[in-house]
C-alpha atoms as a PDB file:
ATOM      1  CA  MET A   1     -29.140  33.238  26.398  1.00  0.00           C
ATOM      2  CA  SER A   2     -32.737  32.706  25.652  1.00  0.00           C
ATOM      3  CA  THR A   3     -34.398  29.772  24.430  1.00  0.00           C
ATOM      4  CA  GLU A   4     -35.349  31.520  21.018  1.00  0.00           C
ATOM      5  CA  THR A   5     -31.845  32.736  20.657  1.00  0.00           C
ATOM      6  CA  ALA A   6     -30.032  29.379  21.301  1.00  0.00           C
ATOM      7  CA  THR A   7     -32.633  27.496  18.476  1.00  0.00           C
ATOM      8  CA  THR A   8     -31.684  30.286  15.785  1.00  0.00           C
ATOM      9  CA  GLU A   9     -28.030  29.559  16.256  1.00  0.00           C
ATOM     10  CA  VAL A  10     -28.316  25.959  15.744  1.00  0.00           C
ATOM     11  CA  THR A  11     -30.738  26.651  12.446  1.00  0.00           C
ATOM     12  CA  ALA A  12     -28.190  28.883  11.642  1.00  0.00           C
ATOM     13  CA  LYS A  13     -25.152  25.936  12.170  1.00  0.00           C
ATOM     14  CA  LYS A  14     -27.292  23.154  10.466  1.00  0.00           C
ATOM     15  CA  LYS A  15     -27.808  25.670   7.056  1.00  0.00           C
ATOM     16  CA  ARG A  16     -23.888  26.465   7.111  1.00  0.00           C
ATOM     17  CA  VAL A  17     -23.668  22.444   6.955  1.00  0.00           C
ATOM     18  CA  LYS A  18     -25.981  22.196   4.631  1.00  0.00           C
ATOM     19  CA  ASP A  19     -24.377  24.747   2.652  1.00  0.00           C
ATOM     20  CA  LYS A  20     -21.208  23.559   2.647  1.00  0.00           C
ATOM     21  CA  TRP A  21     -22.549  19.961   0.795  1.00  0.00           C
ATOM     22  CA  ARG A  22     -24.680  21.774  -1.495  1.00  0.00           C
ATOM     23  CA  GLY A  23     -23.369  21.804  -5.338  1.00  0.00           C
ATOM     24  CA  LYS A  24     -20.340  19.077  -4.682  1.00  0.00           C
ATOM     25  CA  ASP A  25     -20.631  16.259  -6.546  1.00  0.00           C
ATOM     26  CA  TRP A  26     -19.670  12.937  -5.729  1.00  0.00           C
ATOM     27  CA  TYR A  27     -17.058  10.690  -7.048  1.00  0.00           C
ATOM     28  CA  THR A  28     -16.709   7.017  -7.472  1.00  0.00           C
ATOM     29  CA  VAL A  29     -12.774   5.997  -6.245  1.00  0.00           C
ATOM     30  CA  MET A  30     -11.524   2.982  -8.292  1.00  0.00           C
ATOM     31  CA  SER A  31      -8.253   1.140  -7.962  1.00  0.00           C
ATOM     32  CA  PRO A  32      -6.203   0.262 -10.606  1.00  0.00           C
ATOM     33  CA  SER A  33      -6.773  -2.229 -13.159  1.00  0.00           C
ATOM     34  CA  TYR A  34      -3.923  -4.330 -12.109  1.00  0.00           C
ATOM     35  CA  PHE A  35      -5.853  -4.727  -8.843  1.00  0.00           C
ATOM     36  CA  GLY A  36      -8.836  -5.450 -10.448  1.00  0.00           C
ATOM     37  CA  ASN A  37     -10.776  -2.117 -10.637  1.00  0.00           C
ATOM     38  CA  VAL A  38     -12.001  -2.319  -7.335  1.00  0.00           C
ATOM     39  CA  GLU A  39     -14.473   0.328  -6.314  1.00  0.00           C
ATOM     40  CA  LEU A  40     -12.647   1.682  -3.265  1.00  0.00           C
ATOM     41  CA  GLY A  41     -14.795   4.315  -1.373  1.00  0.00           C
ATOM     42  CA  SER A  42     -16.295   8.020  -2.412  1.00  0.00           C
ATOM     43  CA  LEU A  43     -15.271  11.319  -2.504  1.00  0.00           C
ATOM     44  CA  PRO A  44     -17.458  14.727  -2.285  1.00  0.00           C
ATOM     45  CA  SER A  45     -16.166  17.911  -4.396  1.00  0.00           C
ATOM     46  CA  GLY A  46     -16.599  20.867  -5.933  1.00  0.00           C
ATOM     47  CA  ASP A  47     -14.315  20.535  -8.689  1.00  0.00           C
ATOM     48  CA  SER A  48     -13.107  17.361 -10.192  1.00  0.00           C
ATOM     49  CA  SER A  49      -9.630  18.961 -10.550  1.00  0.00           C
ATOM     50  CA  LYS A  50      -9.257  19.455  -6.688  1.00  0.00           C
ATOM     51  CA  LEU A  51      -9.141  15.471  -7.019  1.00  0.00           C
ATOM     52  CA  MET A  52      -5.964  15.122  -8.036  1.00  0.00           C
ATOM     53  CA  GLY A  53      -3.421  13.800  -6.381  1.00  0.00           C
ATOM     54  CA  ARG A  54      -5.218  12.971  -2.966  1.00  0.00           C
ATOM     55  CA  THR A  55      -4.237   9.464  -1.238  1.00  0.00           C
ATOM     56  CA  ILE A  56      -6.974   7.136  -0.748  1.00  0.00           C
ATOM     57  CA  ASP A  57      -6.397   4.008   1.980  1.00  0.00           C
ATOM     58  CA  ALA A  58      -7.877   0.247   1.788  1.00  0.00           C
ATOM     59  CA  THR A  59      -6.897  -3.147   2.651  1.00  0.00           C
ATOM     60  CA  LEU A  60      -5.813  -5.987   0.753  1.00  0.00           C
ATOM     61  CA  TYR A  61      -9.382  -7.569   2.027  1.00  0.00           C
ATOM     62  CA  ASP A  62     -11.081  -4.696   0.418  1.00  0.00           C
ATOM     63  CA  ILE A  63      -9.269  -6.177  -2.877  1.00  0.00           C
ATOM     64  CA  THR A  64      -9.516  -9.833  -2.561  1.00  0.00           C
ATOM     65  CA  ASN A  65     -12.765 -10.250   0.139  1.00  0.00           C
ATOM     66  CA  ASP A  66     -10.325 -12.385   1.783  1.00  0.00           C
ATOM     67  CA  PHE A  67     -10.539 -12.134   5.333  1.00  0.00           C
ATOM     68  CA  ALA A  68      -7.025 -12.799   6.013  1.00  0.00           C
ATOM     69  CA  HIS A  69      -5.764 -10.053   4.102  1.00  0.00           C
ATOM     70  CA  GLN A  70      -6.845  -7.181   6.754  1.00  0.00           C
ATOM     71  CA  TYR A  71      -3.559  -7.169   7.734  1.00  0.00           C
ATOM     72  CA  LEU A  72      -2.344  -5.291   4.991  1.00  0.00           C
ATOM     73  CA  LYS A  73      -2.880  -1.448   4.523  1.00  0.00           C
ATOM     74  CA  MET A  74      -2.730  -0.028   0.658  1.00  0.00           C
ATOM     75  CA  TYR A  75      -2.311   3.695  -0.431  1.00  0.00           C
ATOM     76  CA  PHE A  76      -4.155   4.572  -3.812  1.00  0.00           C
ATOM     77  CA  GLN A  77      -3.599   8.115  -5.603  1.00  0.00           C
ATOM     78  CA  ILE A  78      -5.743   9.573  -7.872  1.00  0.00           C
ATOM     79  CA  THR A  79      -4.807  10.404 -11.052  1.00  0.00           C
ATOM     80  CA  ASP A  80      -7.446  10.987 -13.446  1.00  0.00           C
ATOM     81  CA  VAL A  81     -10.968  11.691 -13.284  1.00  0.00           C
ATOM     82  CA  GLU A  82     -13.621  10.415 -16.075  1.00  0.00           C
ATOM     83  CA  GLY A  83     -17.320  11.381 -15.344  1.00  0.00           C
ATOM     84  CA  LYS A  84     -18.363  10.759 -11.752  1.00  0.00           C
ATOM     85  CA  THR A  85     -15.212   8.078 -11.677  1.00  0.00           C
ATOM     86  CA  ALA A  86     -11.422   8.537  -9.909  1.00  0.00           C
ATOM     87  CA  LYS A  87      -8.996   6.774 -11.598  1.00  0.00           C
ATOM     88  CA  THR A  88      -5.643   5.703  -9.082  1.00  0.00           C
ATOM     89  CA  ILE A  89      -2.105   4.570  -9.042  1.00  0.00           C
ATOM     90  CA  PHE A  90      -1.172   2.099  -6.298  1.00  0.00           C
ATOM     91  CA  ARG A  91       1.712   4.373  -4.040  1.00  0.00           C
ATOM     92  CA  GLY A  92       2.836   1.475  -1.808  1.00  0.00           C
ATOM     93  CA  HIS A  93       1.088  -0.187   0.933  1.00  0.00           C
ATOM     94  CA  GLU A  94       2.692  -1.593   4.578  1.00  0.00           C
ATOM     95  CA  TYR A  95       1.808  -4.158   7.504  1.00  0.00           C
ATOM     96  CA  SER A  96      -0.206  -2.911  10.200  1.00  0.00           C
ATOM     97  CA  ARG A  97       1.529  -2.555  13.754  1.00  0.00           C
ATOM     98  CA  ASP A  98      -0.116  -5.459  15.032  1.00  0.00           C
ATOM     99  CA  TYR A  99       0.572  -7.726  12.439  1.00  0.00           C
ATOM    100  CA  LEU A 100       4.011  -6.881  12.469  1.00  0.00           C
ATOM    101  CA  ARG A 101       4.133  -7.082  16.364  1.00  0.00           C
ATOM    102  CA  SER A 102       2.714 -10.498  16.120  1.00  0.00           C
ATOM    103  CA  LEU A 103       5.339 -12.071  14.186  1.00  0.00           C
ATOM    104  CA  VAL A 104       8.114 -11.062  16.545  1.00  0.00           C
ATOM    105  CA  ARG A 105       9.306 -13.566  18.953  1.00  0.00           C
ATOM    106  CA  ARG A 106      11.730 -14.086  21.298  1.00  0.00           C
ATOM    107  CA  ARG A 107      15.278 -15.721  21.119  1.00  0.00           C
ATOM    108  CA  THR A 108      14.897 -15.650  17.142  1.00  0.00           C
ATOM    109  CA  THR A 109      16.300 -13.425  14.443  1.00  0.00           C
ATOM    110  CA  ARG A 110      14.726 -10.903  12.133  1.00  0.00           C
ATOM    111  CA  VAL A 111      16.376  -9.340   9.441  1.00  0.00           C
ATOM    112  CA  ASP A 112      15.558  -6.515   7.474  1.00  0.00           C
ATOM    113  CA  SER A 113      16.350  -5.247   4.603  1.00  0.00           C
ATOM    114  CA  MET A 114      15.358  -1.777   2.353  1.00  0.00           C
ATOM    115  CA  LEU A 115      15.949  -1.346  -1.289  1.00  0.00           C
ATOM    116  CA  ASN A 116      15.737   1.464  -3.828  1.00  0.00           C
ATOM    117  CA  VAL A 117      15.002  -0.770  -6.786  1.00  0.00           C
ATOM    118  CA  THR A 118      14.107   0.572 -10.611  1.00  0.00           C
ATOM    119  CA  THR A 119      11.220  -1.523 -12.629  1.00  0.00           C
ATOM    120  CA  LYS A 120      11.672  -1.976 -16.178  1.00  0.00           C
ATOM    121  CA  ASP A 121       9.386   0.444 -17.323  1.00  0.00           C
ATOM    122  CA  GLY A 122      10.825   3.352 -14.982  1.00  0.00           C
ATOM    123  CA  TYR A 123       9.295   3.386 -11.940  1.00  0.00           C
ATOM    124  CA  LYS A 124      11.268   3.611  -8.924  1.00  0.00           C
ATOM    125  CA  VAL A 125       9.803   1.719  -5.757  1.00  0.00           C
ATOM    126  CA  ARG A 126      11.465   1.191  -2.088  1.00  0.00           C
ATOM    127  CA  VAL A 127      10.374  -1.602   0.135  1.00  0.00           C
ATOM    128  CA  ALA A 128      10.958  -2.803   3.410  1.00  0.00           C
ATOM    129  CA  VAL A 129      12.065  -7.030   3.503  1.00  0.00           C
ATOM    130  CA  ALA A 130      11.590  -8.928   7.094  1.00  0.00           C
ATOM    131  CA  ALA A 131      12.326 -11.587   7.277  1.00  0.00           C
ATOM    132  CA  PHE A 132      11.989 -13.650  10.880  1.00  0.00           C
ATOM    133  CA  THR A 133      13.511 -17.079  11.442  1.00  0.00           C
ATOM    134  CA  LEU A 134      12.185 -19.908  13.765  1.00  0.00           C
ATOM    135  CA  ALA A 135      15.898 -19.846  16.230  1.00  0.00           C
ATOM    136  CA  ARG A 136      18.480 -17.075  16.640  1.00  0.00           C
ATOM    137  CA  ILE A 137      21.474 -17.129  13.700  1.00  0.00           C
ATOM    138  CA  ARG A 138      24.594 -15.787  12.833  1.00  0.00           C
ATOM    139  CA  THR A 139      25.222 -12.648  11.766  1.00  0.00           C
ATOM    140  CA  SER A 140      27.112 -14.329   8.797  1.00  0.00           C
ATOM    141  CA  GLN A 141      23.976 -15.861   8.116  1.00  0.00           C
ATOM    142  CA  GLU A 142      21.832 -12.661   8.193  1.00  0.00           C
ATOM    143  CA  HIS A 143      24.392 -11.050   5.503  1.00  0.00           C
ATOM    144  CA  THR A 144      23.849 -14.199   3.326  1.00  0.00           C
ATOM    145  CA  ILE A 145      20.136 -13.893   3.651  1.00  0.00           C
ATOM    146  CA  ARG A 146      19.912  -9.929   2.747  1.00  0.00           C
ATOM    147  CA  ALA A 147      21.890 -10.662  -0.019  1.00  0.00           C
ATOM    148  CA  VAL A 148      19.270 -13.238  -0.969  1.00  0.00           C
ATOM    149  CA  ILE A 149      16.568 -10.502  -0.578  1.00  0.00           C
ATOM    150  CA  LYS A 150      18.674  -7.940  -2.792  1.00  0.00           C
ATOM    151  CA  ARG A 151      19.279 -10.095  -5.241  1.00  0.00           C
ATOM    152  CA  ILE A 152      16.243 -11.611  -6.267  1.00  0.00           C
ATOM    153  CA  VAL A 153      14.023  -7.820  -5.249  1.00  0.00           C
ATOM    154  CA  GLU A 154      16.555  -6.384  -7.979  1.00  0.00           C
ATOM    155  CA  GLU A 155      16.062  -9.225 -10.634  1.00  0.00           C
ATOM    156  CA  LYS A 156      11.948  -8.806  -9.923  1.00  0.00           C
ATOM    157  CA  ALA A 157      12.318  -5.394 -10.395  1.00  0.00           C
ATOM    158  CA  LYS A 158      13.842  -5.464 -13.483  1.00  0.00           C
ATOM    159  CA  GLU A 159      11.895  -7.885 -15.469  1.00  0.00           C
ATOM    160  CA  LEU A 160       8.822  -6.953 -13.983  1.00  0.00           C
ATOM    161  CA  SER A 161       6.198  -3.663 -14.976  1.00  0.00           C
ATOM    162  CA  PHE A 162       5.784  -1.768 -11.940  1.00  0.00           C
ATOM    163  CA  ASP A 163       1.912  -3.239 -12.182  1.00  0.00           C
ATOM    164  CA  GLN A 164       3.560  -6.317 -12.346  1.00  0.00           C
ATOM    165  CA  PHE A 165       5.728  -5.744  -9.604  1.00  0.00           C
ATOM    166  CA  ALA A 166       3.089  -4.061  -7.626  1.00  0.00           C
ATOM    167  CA  GLN A 167       0.962  -7.370  -8.004  1.00  0.00           C
ATOM    168  CA  GLU A 168       3.437  -9.657  -7.199  1.00  0.00           C
ATOM    169  CA  VAL A 169       5.250  -7.082  -3.813  1.00  0.00           C
ATOM    170  CA  VAL A 170       1.254  -6.678  -2.605  1.00  0.00           C
ATOM    171  CA  LEU A 171       0.200 -10.327  -3.022  1.00  0.00           C
ATOM    172  CA  GLY A 172       3.639 -12.528  -1.365  1.00  0.00           C
ATOM    173  CA  LYS A 173       4.929 -13.635  -4.812  1.00  0.00           C
ATOM    174  CA  ILE A 174       8.066 -12.216  -4.337  1.00  0.00           C
ATOM    175  CA  ALA A 175       8.383 -12.467  -0.639  1.00  0.00           C
ATOM    176  CA  SER A 176       7.612 -16.252  -1.482  1.00  0.00           C
ATOM    177  CA  ASP A 177      10.413 -16.457  -4.009  1.00  0.00           C
ATOM    178  CA  ILE A 178      12.663 -15.200  -1.386  1.00  0.00           C
ATOM    179  CA  TYR A 179      11.464 -17.511   1.412  1.00  0.00           C
ATOM    180  CA  ASN A 180      11.845 -20.538  -0.715  1.00  0.00           C
ATOM    181  CA  GLU A 181      16.169 -19.319  -1.119  1.00  0.00           C
ATOM    182  CA  ALA A 182      16.622 -18.408   2.370  1.00  0.00           C
ATOM    183  CA  LYS A 183      15.197 -21.274   4.069  1.00  0.00           C
ATOM    184  CA  LYS A 184      18.083 -23.089   2.782  1.00  0.00           C
ATOM    185  CA  ILE A 185      20.557 -20.882   4.877  1.00  0.00           C
ATOM    186  CA  SER A 186      18.180 -21.055   7.906  1.00  0.00           C
ATOM    187  CA  PRO A 187      14.599 -22.379   9.255  1.00  0.00           C
ATOM    188  CA  LEU A 188      12.541 -19.446   8.287  1.00  0.00           C
ATOM    189  CA  ARG A 189       9.072 -18.192  10.180  1.00  0.00           C
ATOM    190  CA  HIS A 190       8.104 -15.356   7.923  1.00  0.00           C
ATOM    191  CA  VAL A 191       9.332 -13.698   4.556  1.00  0.00           C
ATOM    192  CA  GLY A 192       7.013 -10.954   3.308  1.00  0.00           C
ATOM    193  CA  ILE A 193       7.619  -6.994   1.765  1.00  0.00           C
ATOM    194  CA  ARG A 194       6.118  -5.364   4.872  1.00  0.00           C
ATOM    195  CA  LYS A 195       5.962  -2.009   3.367  1.00  0.00           C
ATOM    196  CA  SER A 196       6.807  -0.385  -0.426  1.00  0.00           C
ATOM    197  CA  LYS A 197       6.338   3.179  -1.431  1.00  0.00           C
ATOM    198  CA  LEU A 198       6.463   4.662  -5.609  1.00  0.00           C
ATOM    199  CA  VAL A 199       9.115   6.782  -5.020  1.00  0.00           C
ATOM    200  CA  ILE A 200       9.190   8.013  -8.750  1.00  0.00           C
ATOM    201  CA  GLN A 201       6.638   7.145 -11.589  1.00  0.00           C
ATOM    202  CA  SER A 202       8.170   6.475 -14.969  1.00  0.00           C
ATOM    203  CA  THR A 203      10.224   8.978 -16.575  1.00  0.00           C
ATOM    204  CA  ILE A 204       9.549   6.489 -19.845  1.00  0.00           C
ATOM    205  CA  ALA A 205       7.346   8.278 -22.511  1.00  0.00           C
ATOM    206  CA  ALA A 206       4.752   6.938 -23.231  1.00  0.00           C
END
């Protein structure tokens, strides 16, 4: 291949890349109001309707600016576009693998619980709760801790709207309530909602 031909091909590739972005607008993606209307990033699109339903991820650090919150990954889905602003709904969260791995200790017990609950305003949410003890515990104690987890999470869901429930899940309020109750059964090192997922949006008419 001659130098002239190679140069022509490179120029053509650059032109194709430039043409690909020509005519596209950039849209600023915002977190929902219950997570502070924080800017999550920007997305290009030639048609704003194509942004609908897209999911963008962030960390809790991006919301709070607290470096200690980098371990928690959050997911938001675009539900509306106004001008050049894309609005979102919270779709779920999860602990990073490294953080979850760091919580595991030898000669201790990890108590897991997976629950499907419905919030006061009709949103169905799946939550995974993990409690880590300071020492190994009996099977009967595990069952009792799971019962505490189930009772508190279900009570919270019935009392709170989805917005409120999402806040308490991510910011640790529900986990704190579980910890304070479950530590009476056995000393605990950590309790957290390690993962959540919005399964069904509200069926209640606005």
